[in-house]
Amino acid sequence: MMNPSNKPARVDIVEVAPRDGFQSIYEPLPTADKIRCIQALVDAGMGRIEIGSFVSPKAIPQMADIGDIVKAFNGTPGVRFSALVPNTKGAELALASGIRELVYVVSVSETHNQKNVRQSVADSLGGLAAIAALLREQADNETPLLRLDLGTCFDCPYEGYISWQQVDAVLEQALPLLEGIDLEIAMCDTTGRANPYQVADHFTRIREKHGRDNIRWAFHGHDTFGMGVANALFAIHHGATALDVAAAGLGGCPFAPGATGNTATEDVLYALRGGGIETGIDMQKLLQAADAIAELPGGQTASHLRKVPRERAA
């Protein structure tokens, strides 16, 4: 089902440890430590980094210093920084800080959406429409990029298996709200329970129905069931051009019981390099960044490549 002839020449790696990973750590980390780890990722050649989220500090105290972190990296050449925003206020703050790529999350599962953001899917889609309207009002020549993360696209910890038709039902409502927006859609395996064939089927069917020139596709995976790397490979062989990963496998979701961290960046990179797929990332420098992230107190990490001799990981 994974056709080698569909192998892309290049894949965007989207490093999400500074957002998905850091926010999984309960005790607030020193801002300087966060900046040091993000700089290590930049030094490794990471071209896209989800730097954090513009949320209420009461909701996620770990993100209280997001403004200072973004300021530290404004003007960094060759890196696309994105930030998660929960509403128009967050979007306005992100845009004012210099962020030009916004991430908005809607869960396919009604129950998970209620647990995650305390509102219905319909209400979340209303928030999406408001952010899209805000982006259209931007006075500059280039409308900021919007990334729509569709959570629980394959499995929900409360509702179980998620069919591609359920994903389609949410997309059918979302896409009319996003006309004229530079858009990337990520299908997210929030619990890490997807299998490669399910990933291939979802991407094939959804892209057949909704594929268009102004939409790019991404895959966000966790490695809870050991399928993280395989799922990522099947995703890019079926139309995904970007993969969300976290150095050292840092992460976890409080509203997806049992889910481990995002698939480790270094593990995915090793597989991509084996196929001759270009990412622009230096493996040894990435492993140094992963070591720094793994040393942060309170984090859950899971990485295969960090455990092997470094000369074997080259």
C-alpha atoms as a PDB file:
ATOM      1  CA  MET A   1       0.000   0.000   0.000  1.00  0.00           C
ATOM      2  CA  MET A   2       3.051   2.260   0.366  1.00  0.00           C
ATOM      3  CA  ASN A   3       4.154   2.789  -3.230  1.00  0.00           C
ATOM      4  CA  PRO A   4       7.915   3.581  -3.433  1.00  0.00           C
ATOM      5  CA  SER A   5       7.276   5.561  -6.615  1.00  0.00           C
ATOM      6  CA  ASN A   6       5.273   8.063  -4.534  1.00  0.00           C
ATOM      7  CA  LYS A   7       8.330   8.914  -2.432  1.00  0.00           C
ATOM      8  CA  PRO A   8       8.789  12.690  -2.263  1.00  0.00           C
ATOM      9  CA  ALA A   9      12.195  14.262  -2.865  1.00  0.00           C
ATOM     10  CA  ARG A  10      11.816  16.520   0.161  1.00  0.00           C
ATOM     11  CA  VAL A  11       9.632  16.713   3.271  1.00  0.00           C
ATOM     12  CA  ASP A  12       9.057  19.591   5.674  1.00  0.00           C
ATOM     13  CA  ILE A  13       9.882  18.630   9.231  1.00  0.00           C
ATOM     14  CA  VAL A  14       7.832  20.667  11.709  1.00  0.00           C
ATOM     15  CA  GLU A  15       9.455  20.604  15.138  1.00  0.00           C
ATOM     16  CA  VAL A  16       6.749  20.800  17.816  1.00  0.00           C
ATOM     17  CA  ALA A  17       8.741  20.166  21.011  1.00  0.00           C
ATOM     18  CA  PRO A  18       8.675  23.876  21.960  1.00  0.00           C
ATOM     19  CA  ARG A  19       4.883  23.795  21.997  1.00  0.00           C
ATOM     20  CA  ASP A  20       3.433  20.302  22.233  1.00  0.00           C
ATOM     21  CA  GLY A  21       6.458  19.122  24.198  1.00  0.00           C
ATOM     22  CA  PHE A  22       7.105  21.987  26.611  1.00  0.00           C
ATOM     23  CA  GLN A  23       3.442  22.334  27.551  1.00  0.00           C
ATOM     24  CA  SER A  24       3.402  18.683  28.649  1.00  0.00           C
ATOM     25  CA  ILE A  25       5.817  19.620  31.465  1.00  0.00           C
ATOM     26  CA  TYR A  26       3.880  20.720  34.535  1.00  0.00           C
ATOM     27  CA  GLU A  27       6.427  22.922  36.316  1.00  0.00           C
ATOM     28  CA  PRO A  28       7.287  26.105  34.385  1.00  0.00           C
ATOM     29  CA  LEU A  29      10.691  25.944  32.719  1.00  0.00           C
ATOM     30  CA  PRO A  30      13.092  28.895  32.806  1.00  0.00           C
ATOM     31  CA  THR A  31      12.698  30.997  29.677  1.00  0.00           C
ATOM     32  CA  ALA A  32      16.463  30.863  29.104  1.00  0.00           C
ATOM     33  CA  ASP A  33      16.343  27.044  28.980  1.00  0.00           C
ATOM     34  CA  LYS A  34      13.553  27.108  26.418  1.00  0.00           C
ATOM     35  CA  ILE A  35      15.443  29.593  24.259  1.00  0.00           C
ATOM     36  CA  ARG A  36      18.613  27.501  24.510  1.00  0.00           C
ATOM     37  CA  CYS A  37      16.789  24.372  23.333  1.00  0.00           C
ATOM     38  CA  ILE A  38      15.040  26.179  20.468  1.00  0.00           C
ATOM     39  CA  GLN A  39      18.356  27.703  19.367  1.00  0.00           C
ATOM     40  CA  ALA A  40      19.863  24.200  19.291  1.00  0.00           C
ATOM     41  CA  LEU A  41      17.047  23.140  16.952  1.00  0.00           C
ATOM     42  CA  VAL A  42      17.695  26.169  14.743  1.00  0.00           C
ATOM     43  CA  ASP A  43      21.405  25.324  14.689  1.00  0.00           C
ATOM     44  CA  ALA A  44      20.531  21.793  13.555  1.00  0.00           C
ATOM     45  CA  GLY A  45      18.886  23.223  10.432  1.00  0.00           C
ATOM     46  CA  MET A  46      15.265  22.949  11.488  1.00  0.00           C
ATOM     47  CA  GLY A  47      13.290  24.885   8.874  1.00  0.00           C
ATOM     48  CA  ARG A  48       9.924  24.937  10.648  1.00  0.00           C
ATOM     49  CA  ILE A  49       9.323  25.219  14.380  1.00  0.00           C
ATOM     50  CA  GLU A  50       6.057  25.456  16.298  1.00  0.00           C
ATOM     51  CA  ILE A  51       7.462  27.811  18.895  1.00  0.00           C
ATOM     52  CA  GLY A  52       4.591  27.825  21.384  1.00  0.00           C
ATOM     53  CA  SER A  53       1.009  28.887  21.907  1.00  0.00           C
ATOM     54  CA  PHE A  54      -0.674  32.200  22.644  1.00  0.00           C
ATOM     55  CA  VAL A  55      -3.040  30.918  25.298  1.00  0.00           C
ATOM     56  CA  SER A  56      -4.075  32.225  28.691  1.00  0.00           C
ATOM     57  CA  PRO A  57      -1.317  31.624  31.274  1.00  0.00           C
ATOM     58  CA  LYS A  58      -4.082  30.439  33.585  1.00  0.00           C
ATOM     59  CA  ALA A  59      -4.862  27.643  31.147  1.00  0.00           C
ATOM     60  CA  ILE A  60      -1.258  26.678  30.356  1.00  0.00           C
ATOM     61  CA  PRO A  61       1.255  28.368  32.685  1.00  0.00           C
ATOM     62  CA  GLN A  62       4.137  26.917  30.671  1.00  0.00           C
ATOM     63  CA  MET A  63       3.288  29.296  27.820  1.00  0.00           C
ATOM     64  CA  ALA A  64       3.240  32.476  29.924  1.00  0.00           C
ATOM     65  CA  ASP A  65       6.578  33.612  28.454  1.00  0.00           C
ATOM     66  CA  ILE A  66       5.678  33.008  24.794  1.00  0.00           C
ATOM     67  CA  GLY A  67       6.072  36.702  23.948  1.00  0.00           C
ATOM     68  CA  ASP A  68       9.657  36.761  25.237  1.00  0.00           C
ATOM     69  CA  ILE A  69      10.504  33.558  23.390  1.00  0.00           C
ATOM     70  CA  VAL A  70       9.133  34.784  20.078  1.00  0.00           C
ATOM     71  CA  LYS A  71      10.992  38.076  20.521  1.00  0.00           C
ATOM     72  CA  ALA A  72      14.258  36.159  20.976  1.00  0.00           C
ATOM     73  CA  PHE A  73      13.885  34.583  17.527  1.00  0.00           C
ATOM     74  CA  ASN A  74      12.304  37.355  15.487  1.00  0.00           C
ATOM     75  CA  GLY A  75      14.286  37.853  12.300  1.00  0.00           C
ATOM     76  CA  THR A  76      15.956  34.430  12.394  1.00  0.00           C
ATOM     77  CA  PRO A  77      16.747  33.682   8.750  1.00  0.00           C
ATOM     78  CA  GLY A  78      15.659  30.458   7.087  1.00  0.00           C
ATOM     79  CA  VAL A  79      13.194  29.371   9.789  1.00  0.00           C
ATOM     80  CA  ARG A  80       9.398  29.457   9.662  1.00  0.00           C
ATOM     81  CA  PHE A  81       7.986  29.888  13.166  1.00  0.00           C
ATOM     82  CA  SER A  82       4.358  29.053  13.887  1.00  0.00           C
ATOM     83  CA  ALA A  83       2.258  29.329  17.032  1.00  0.00           C
ATOM     84  CA  LEU A  84      -0.949  27.711  18.206  1.00  0.00           C
ATOM     85  CA  VAL A  85      -3.827  30.121  18.853  1.00  0.00           C
ATOM     86  CA  PRO A  86      -7.095  29.137  20.571  1.00  0.00           C
ATOM     87  CA  ASN A  87      -9.128  32.186  19.539  1.00  0.00           C
ATOM     88  CA  THR A  88      -8.979  35.591  17.858  1.00  0.00           C
ATOM     89  CA  LYS A  89      -7.322  37.197  20.887  1.00  0.00           C
ATOM     90  CA  GLY A  90      -4.511  34.672  20.677  1.00  0.00           C
ATOM     91  CA  ALA A  91      -4.282  35.208  16.926  1.00  0.00           C
ATOM     92  CA  GLU A  92      -4.041  38.983  17.367  1.00  0.00           C
ATOM     93  CA  LEU A  93      -1.276  38.582  19.948  1.00  0.00           C
ATOM     94  CA  ALA A  94       0.628  36.151  17.738  1.00  0.00           C
ATOM     95  CA  LEU A  95       0.418  38.408  14.695  1.00  0.00           C
ATOM     96  CA  ALA A  96       1.455  41.446  16.739  1.00  0.00           C
ATOM     97  CA  SER A  97       4.497  39.529  17.985  1.00  0.00           C
ATOM     98  CA  GLY A  98       5.655  38.831  14.437  1.00  0.00           C
ATOM     99  CA  ILE A  99       4.364  35.285  13.961  1.00  0.00           C
ATOM    100  CA  ARG A 100       3.160  34.762  10.389  1.00  0.00           C
ATOM    101  CA  GLU A 101       1.900  31.175  10.655  1.00  0.00           C
ATOM    102  CA  LEU A 102      -1.010  30.363  12.945  1.00  0.00           C
ATOM    103  CA  VAL A 103      -2.141  26.936  14.124  1.00  0.00           C
ATOM    104  CA  TYR A 104      -5.750  26.276  15.135  1.00  0.00           C
ATOM    105  CA  VAL A 105      -7.023  22.968  16.495  1.00  0.00           C
ATOM    106  CA  VAL A 106     -10.421  21.348  16.033  1.00  0.00           C
ATOM    107  CA  SER A 107     -10.985  17.763  17.138  1.00  0.00           C
ATOM    108  CA  VAL A 108     -12.988  15.468  14.896  1.00  0.00           C
ATOM    109  CA  SER A 109     -14.320  13.785  18.034  1.00  0.00           C
ATOM    110  CA  GLU A 110     -17.024  15.816  19.776  1.00  0.00           C
ATOM    111  CA  THR A 111     -16.101  14.364  23.162  1.00  0.00           C
ATOM    112  CA  HIS A 112     -12.396  15.097  22.796  1.00  0.00           C
ATOM    113  CA  ASN A 113     -13.091  18.633  21.619  1.00  0.00           C
ATOM    114  CA  GLN A 114     -15.203  19.223  24.729  1.00  0.00           C
ATOM    115  CA  LYS A 115     -12.454  17.818  26.974  1.00  0.00           C
ATOM    116  CA  ASN A 116      -9.649  19.648  25.152  1.00  0.00           C
ATOM    117  CA  VAL A 117     -11.093  23.144  24.644  1.00  0.00           C
ATOM    118  CA  ARG A 118     -14.405  22.951  26.545  1.00  0.00           C
ATOM    119  CA  GLN A 119     -16.607  23.690  23.582  1.00  0.00           C
ATOM    120  CA  SER A 120     -18.448  21.894  20.819  1.00  0.00           C
ATOM    121  CA  VAL A 121     -16.982  21.207  17.406  1.00  0.00           C
ATOM    122  CA  ALA A 122     -19.498  23.689  16.000  1.00  0.00           C
ATOM    123  CA  ASP A 123     -18.254  26.373  18.383  1.00  0.00           C
ATOM    124  CA  SER A 124     -14.645  25.620  17.451  1.00  0.00           C
ATOM    125  CA  LEU A 125     -15.526  25.993  13.784  1.00  0.00           C
ATOM    126  CA  GLY A 126     -17.044  29.352  14.639  1.00  0.00           C
ATOM    127  CA  GLY A 127     -13.716  30.346  16.167  1.00  0.00           C
ATOM    128  CA  LEU A 128     -11.968  29.161  13.024  1.00  0.00           C
ATOM    129  CA  ALA A 129     -14.180  31.401  10.905  1.00  0.00           C
ATOM    130  CA  ALA A 130     -13.345  34.386  13.112  1.00  0.00           C
ATOM    131  CA  ILE A 131      -9.596  33.778  12.772  1.00  0.00           C
ATOM    132  CA  ALA A 132      -9.940  33.379   8.999  1.00  0.00           C
ATOM    133  CA  ALA A 133     -11.747  36.719   8.862  1.00  0.00           C
ATOM    134  CA  LEU A 134      -8.954  38.304  10.891  1.00  0.00           C
ATOM    135  CA  LEU A 135      -6.338  36.983   8.491  1.00  0.00           C
ATOM    136  CA  ARG A 136      -8.212  38.354   5.489  1.00  0.00           C
ATOM    137  CA  GLU A 137      -8.095  41.795   7.092  1.00  0.00           C
ATOM    138  CA  GLN A 138      -4.301  41.845   7.234  1.00  0.00           C
ATOM    139  CA  ALA A 139      -3.020  44.918   5.427  1.00  0.00           C
ATOM    140  CA  ASP A 140       0.277  43.483   4.233  1.00  0.00           C
ATOM    141  CA  ASN A 141       0.776  41.901   0.828  1.00  0.00           C
ATOM    142  CA  GLU A 142       0.898  38.320   2.070  1.00  0.00           C
ATOM    143  CA  THR A 143      -1.904  36.805   4.119  1.00  0.00           C
ATOM    144  CA  PRO A 144      -0.442  34.759   6.986  1.00  0.00           C
ATOM    145  CA  LEU A 145      -0.511  30.991   6.661  1.00  0.00           C
ATOM    146  CA  LEU A 146      -3.159  29.111   8.632  1.00  0.00           C
ATOM    147  CA  ARG A 147      -2.580  25.540   9.756  1.00  0.00           C
ATOM    148  CA  LEU A 148      -5.736  23.636  10.689  1.00  0.00           C
ATOM    149  CA  ASP A 149      -4.876  20.754  13.006  1.00  0.00           C
ATOM    150  CA  LEU A 150      -7.658  18.176  12.945  1.00  0.00           C
ATOM    151  CA  GLY A 151      -7.290  16.315  16.230  1.00  0.00           C
ATOM    152  CA  THR A 152      -8.340  12.693  16.791  1.00  0.00           C
ATOM    153  CA  CYS A 153      -8.452  11.961  13.050  1.00  0.00           C
ATOM    154  CA  PHE A 154      -7.846   8.249  13.577  1.00  0.00           C
ATOM    155  CA  ASP A 155      -8.757   7.424  17.161  1.00  0.00           C
ATOM    156  CA  CYS A 156     -10.329   9.095  20.178  1.00  0.00           C
ATOM    157  CA  PRO A 157      -9.595   8.032  23.780  1.00  0.00           C
ATOM    158  CA  TYR A 158     -13.297   8.443  24.562  1.00  0.00           C
ATOM    159  CA  GLU A 159     -15.096   7.433  21.350  1.00  0.00           C
ATOM    160  CA  GLY A 160     -12.663   4.913  19.841  1.00  0.00           C
ATOM    161  CA  TYR A 161     -12.039   4.430  16.124  1.00  0.00           C
ATOM    162  CA  ILE A 162     -12.508   7.497  13.915  1.00  0.00           C
ATOM    163  CA  SER A 163     -13.459   6.850  10.281  1.00  0.00           C
ATOM    164  CA  TRP A 164     -12.355   8.949   7.333  1.00  0.00           C
ATOM    165  CA  GLN A 165     -16.016   9.869   6.860  1.00  0.00           C
ATOM    166  CA  GLN A 166     -15.992  11.543  10.296  1.00  0.00           C
ATOM    167  CA  VAL A 167     -12.929  13.542   9.283  1.00  0.00           C
ATOM    168  CA  ASP A 168     -14.650  14.430   6.033  1.00  0.00           C
ATOM    169  CA  ALA A 169     -17.746  15.664   7.889  1.00  0.00           C
ATOM    170  CA  VAL A 170     -15.687  18.216   9.832  1.00  0.00           C
ATOM    171  CA  LEU A 171     -13.707  19.282   6.760  1.00  0.00           C
ATOM    172  CA  GLU A 172     -16.926  19.792   4.815  1.00  0.00           C
ATOM    173  CA  GLN A 173     -17.879  22.420   7.382  1.00  0.00           C
ATOM    174  CA  ALA A 174     -14.411  23.940   7.772  1.00  0.00           C
ATOM    175  CA  LEU A 175     -13.297  24.492   4.181  1.00  0.00           C
ATOM    176  CA  PRO A 176     -16.041  26.951   3.151  1.00  0.00           C
ATOM    177  CA  LEU A 177     -14.906  29.133   6.058  1.00  0.00           C
ATOM    178  CA  LEU A 178     -11.358  29.282   4.724  1.00  0.00           C
ATOM    179  CA  GLU A 179     -11.744  30.555   1.171  1.00  0.00           C
ATOM    180  CA  GLY A 180      -8.811  32.728   0.141  1.00  0.00           C
ATOM    181  CA  ILE A 181      -6.614  31.582   3.043  1.00  0.00           C
ATOM    182  CA  ASP A 182      -3.159  30.080   2.524  1.00  0.00           C
ATOM    183  CA  LEU A 183      -3.922  26.750   4.160  1.00  0.00           C
ATOM    184  CA  GLU A 184      -2.227  23.644   5.507  1.00  0.00           C
ATOM    185  CA  ILE A 185      -4.311  20.836   6.987  1.00  0.00           C
ATOM    186  CA  ALA A 186      -2.804  18.368   9.423  1.00  0.00           C
ATOM    187  CA  MET A 187      -4.479  15.072  10.186  1.00  0.00           C
ATOM    188  CA  CYS A 188      -3.481  14.324  13.764  1.00  0.00           C
ATOM    189  CA  ASP A 189      -3.070  10.939  15.402  1.00  0.00           C
ATOM    190  CA  THR A 190      -3.638  12.412  18.846  1.00  0.00           C
ATOM    191  CA  THR A 191      -3.501   9.119  20.751  1.00  0.00           C
ATOM    192  CA  GLY A 192      -0.807   7.395  18.680  1.00  0.00           C
ATOM    193  CA  ARG A 193      -3.154   4.487  18.013  1.00  0.00           C
ATOM    194  CA  ALA A 194      -3.381   4.813  14.227  1.00  0.00           C
ATOM    195  CA  ASN A 195      -1.815   2.155  12.030  1.00  0.00           C
ATOM    196  CA  PRO A 196      -0.058   2.785   8.702  1.00  0.00           C
ATOM    197  CA  TYR A 197      -2.881   1.366   6.583  1.00  0.00           C
ATOM    198  CA  GLN A 198      -5.456   3.553   8.298  1.00  0.00           C
ATOM    199  CA  VAL A 199      -3.194   6.582   7.741  1.00  0.00           C
ATOM    200  CA  ALA A 200      -2.857   5.697   4.059  1.00  0.00           C
ATOM    201  CA  ASP A 201      -6.607   5.218   3.667  1.00  0.00           C
ATOM    202  CA  HIS A 202      -7.501   8.499   5.397  1.00  0.00           C
ATOM    203  CA  PHE A 203      -5.008  10.536   3.394  1.00  0.00           C
ATOM    204  CA  THR A 204      -6.005   8.898   0.113  1.00  0.00           C
ATOM    205  CA  ARG A 205      -9.747   9.367   0.569  1.00  0.00           C
ATOM    206  CA  ILE A 206      -9.633  12.850   2.086  1.00  0.00           C
ATOM    207  CA  ARG A 207      -7.220  14.180  -0.542  1.00  0.00           C
ATOM    208  CA  GLU A 208      -9.248  12.626  -3.363  1.00  0.00           C
ATOM    209  CA  LYS A 209     -12.259  14.557  -2.117  1.00  0.00           C
ATOM    210  CA  HIS A 210     -10.705  17.801  -0.909  1.00  0.00           C
ATOM    211  CA  GLY A 211      -7.347  18.108  -2.646  1.00  0.00           C
ATOM    212  CA  ARG A 212      -6.748  21.449  -4.340  1.00  0.00           C
ATOM    213  CA  ASP A 213      -3.789  23.608  -5.304  1.00  0.00           C
ATOM    214  CA  ASN A 214      -4.020  25.979  -2.334  1.00  0.00           C
ATOM    215  CA  ILE A 215      -4.110  23.226   0.315  1.00  0.00           C
ATOM    216  CA  ARG A 216      -1.056  21.428   1.661  1.00  0.00           C
ATOM    217  CA  TRP A 217      -1.302  18.340   3.855  1.00  0.00           C
ATOM    218  CA  ALA A 218       0.548  17.341   7.008  1.00  0.00           C
ATOM    219  CA  PHE A 219       0.617  14.478   9.505  1.00  0.00           C
ATOM    220  CA  HIS A 220       0.942  14.858  13.271  1.00  0.00           C
ATOM    221  CA  GLY A 221       1.752  11.602  15.026  1.00  0.00           C
ATOM    222  CA  HIS A 222       2.515  10.109  18.414  1.00  0.00           C
ATOM    223  CA  ASP A 223       4.411   6.878  19.048  1.00  0.00           C
ATOM    224  CA  THR A 224       2.222   5.377  21.774  1.00  0.00           C
ATOM    225  CA  PHE A 225       1.780   2.046  19.965  1.00  0.00           C
ATOM    226  CA  GLY A 226       5.193   2.066  18.279  1.00  0.00           C
ATOM    227  CA  MET A 227       3.724   3.054  14.921  1.00  0.00           C
ATOM    228  CA  GLY A 228       4.987   6.645  14.807  1.00  0.00           C
ATOM    229  CA  VAL A 229       7.714   6.286  12.168  1.00  0.00           C
ATOM    230  CA  ALA A 230       5.721   3.865  10.015  1.00  0.00           C
ATOM    231  CA  ASN A 231       2.673   6.136  10.124  1.00  0.00           C
ATOM    232  CA  ALA A 232       4.804   9.123   9.114  1.00  0.00           C
ATOM    233  CA  LEU A 233       6.224   7.238   6.128  1.00  0.00           C
ATOM    234  CA  PHE A 234       2.809   6.084   4.948  1.00  0.00           C
ATOM    235  CA  ALA A 235       1.518   9.658   5.293  1.00  0.00           C
ATOM    236  CA  ILE A 236       4.183  11.144   3.014  1.00  0.00           C
ATOM    237  CA  HIS A 237       3.682   8.362   0.471  1.00  0.00           C
ATOM    238  CA  HIS A 238       0.009   9.338   0.324  1.00  0.00           C
ATOM    239  CA  GLY A 239       0.227  13.083  -0.022  1.00  0.00           C
ATOM    240  CA  ALA A 240       1.511  14.643   3.191  1.00  0.00           C
ATOM    241  CA  THR A 241       4.315  17.125   2.555  1.00  0.00           C
ATOM    242  CA  ALA A 242       5.001  17.968   6.219  1.00  0.00           C
ATOM    243  CA  LEU A 243       5.487  15.866   9.344  1.00  0.00           C
ATOM    244  CA  ASP A 244       5.095  17.055  12.942  1.00  0.00           C
ATOM    245  CA  VAL A 245       7.717  15.578  15.252  1.00  0.00           C
ATOM    246  CA  ALA A 246       9.367  16.393  18.590  1.00  0.00           C
ATOM    247  CA  ALA A 247      13.061  16.116  19.372  1.00  0.00           C
ATOM    248  CA  ALA A 248      13.684  13.356  21.936  1.00  0.00           C
ATOM    249  CA  GLY A 249      10.018  12.370  21.575  1.00  0.00           C
ATOM    250  CA  LEU A 250       9.017  14.939  24.192  1.00  0.00           C
ATOM    251  CA  GLY A 251       5.314  15.311  24.825  1.00  0.00           C
ATOM    252  CA  GLY A 252       2.034  13.797  25.910  1.00  0.00           C
ATOM    253  CA  CYS A 253      -1.552  15.023  25.961  1.00  0.00           C
ATOM    254  CA  PRO A 254      -3.534  15.454  29.205  1.00  0.00           C
ATOM    255  CA  PHE A 255      -6.783  14.976  27.265  1.00  0.00           C
ATOM    256  CA  ALA A 256      -5.620  11.773  25.531  1.00  0.00           C
ATOM    257  CA  PRO A 257      -5.061   9.351  28.433  1.00  0.00           C
ATOM    258  CA  GLY A 258      -2.126   7.028  27.810  1.00  0.00           C
ATOM    259  CA  ALA A 259      -0.754   8.927  24.809  1.00  0.00           C
ATOM    260  CA  THR A 260       3.004   9.319  24.809  1.00  0.00           C
ATOM    261  CA  GLY A 261       4.994  12.084  23.207  1.00  0.00           C
ATOM    262  CA  ASN A 262       5.186  13.026  19.568  1.00  0.00           C
ATOM    263  CA  THR A 263       7.225  10.730  17.381  1.00  0.00           C
ATOM    264  CA  ALA A 264      10.898  11.548  17.906  1.00  0.00           C
ATOM    265  CA  THR A 265      12.348  13.855  15.267  1.00  0.00           C
ATOM    266  CA  GLU A 266      15.587  11.903  15.147  1.00  0.00           C
ATOM    267  CA  ASP A 267      13.805   8.574  14.571  1.00  0.00           C
ATOM    268  CA  VAL A 268      11.786   9.974  11.664  1.00  0.00           C
ATOM    269  CA  LEU A 269      14.851  11.691  10.224  1.00  0.00           C
ATOM    270  CA  TYR A 270      16.784   8.417  10.253  1.00  0.00           C
ATOM    271  CA  ALA A 271      14.033   6.730   8.232  1.00  0.00           C
ATOM    272  CA  LEU A 272      13.793   9.614   5.761  1.00  0.00           C
ATOM    273  CA  ARG A 273      17.545   9.692   5.250  1.00  0.00           C
ATOM    274  CA  GLY A 274      17.455   5.964   4.488  1.00  0.00           C
ATOM    275  CA  GLY A 275      15.112   6.761   1.614  1.00  0.00           C
ATOM    276  CA  GLY A 276      17.188   9.653   0.353  1.00  0.00           C
ATOM    277  CA  ILE A 277      14.479  12.175   1.296  1.00  0.00           C
ATOM    278  CA  GLU A 278      15.877  15.651   1.924  1.00  0.00           C
ATOM    279  CA  THR A 279      15.031  17.623   5.067  1.00  0.00           C
ATOM    280  CA  GLY A 280      17.967  20.018   5.452  1.00  0.00           C
ATOM    281  CA  ILE A 281      18.602  18.832   9.042  1.00  0.00           C
ATOM    282  CA  ASP A 282      22.005  17.862  10.465  1.00  0.00           C
ATOM    283  CA  MET A 283      21.554  14.592  12.372  1.00  0.00           C
ATOM    284  CA  GLN A 284      24.412  15.039  14.846  1.00  0.00           C
ATOM    285  CA  LYS A 285      23.348  18.571  15.755  1.00  0.00           C
ATOM    286  CA  LEU A 286      19.756  17.381  16.040  1.00  0.00           C
ATOM    287  CA  LEU A 287      20.835  14.702  18.509  1.00  0.00           C
ATOM    288  CA  GLN A 288      22.620  17.357  20.557  1.00  0.00           C
ATOM    289  CA  ALA A 289      19.399  19.373  20.611  1.00  0.00           C
ATOM    290  CA  ALA A 290      17.443  16.261  21.581  1.00  0.00           C
ATOM    291  CA  ASP A 291      19.875  15.625  24.443  1.00  0.00           C
ATOM    292  CA  ALA A 292      19.348  19.165  25.723  1.00  0.00           C
ATOM    293  CA  ILE A 293      15.570  18.732  25.555  1.00  0.00           C
ATOM    294  CA  ALA A 294      15.710  15.336  27.255  1.00  0.00           C
ATOM    295  CA  GLU A 295      17.627  16.911  30.155  1.00  0.00           C
ATOM    296  CA  LEU A 296      14.784  19.339  30.932  1.00  0.00           C
ATOM    297  CA  PRO A 297      13.219  18.420  34.280  1.00  0.00           C
ATOM    298  CA  GLY A 298       9.749  16.921  34.283  1.00  0.00           C
ATOM    299  CA  GLY A 299       9.556  15.875  30.647  1.00  0.00           C
ATOM    300  CA  GLN A 300       8.568  12.493  29.205  1.00  0.00           C
ATOM    301  CA  THR A 301      10.819  11.485  26.327  1.00  0.00           C
ATOM    302  CA  ALA A 302      11.027   8.436  24.075  1.00  0.00           C
ATOM    303  CA  SER A 303      13.624   8.090  21.347  1.00  0.00           C
ATOM    304  CA  HIS A 304      15.294   5.081  19.784  1.00  0.00           C
ATOM    305  CA  LEU A 305      18.122   6.884  18.040  1.00  0.00           C
ATOM    306  CA  ARG A 306      19.392   8.616  21.184  1.00  0.00           C
ATOM    307  CA  LYS A 307      20.084   5.164  22.640  1.00  0.00           C
ATOM    308  CA  VAL A 308      22.369   3.889  19.883  1.00  0.00           C
ATOM    309  CA  PRO A 309      26.065   4.815  19.543  1.00  0.00           C
ATOM    310  CA  ARG A 310      26.345   8.195  17.884  1.00  0.00           C
ATOM    311  CA  GLU A 311      28.583   6.945  15.108  1.00  0.00           C
ATOM    312  CA  ARG A 312      25.869   4.459  14.164  1.00  0.00           C
ATOM    313  CA  ALA A 313      23.249   7.234  14.040  1.00  0.00           C
ATOM    314  CA  ALA A 314      25.108   9.232  11.390  1.00  0.00           C
END
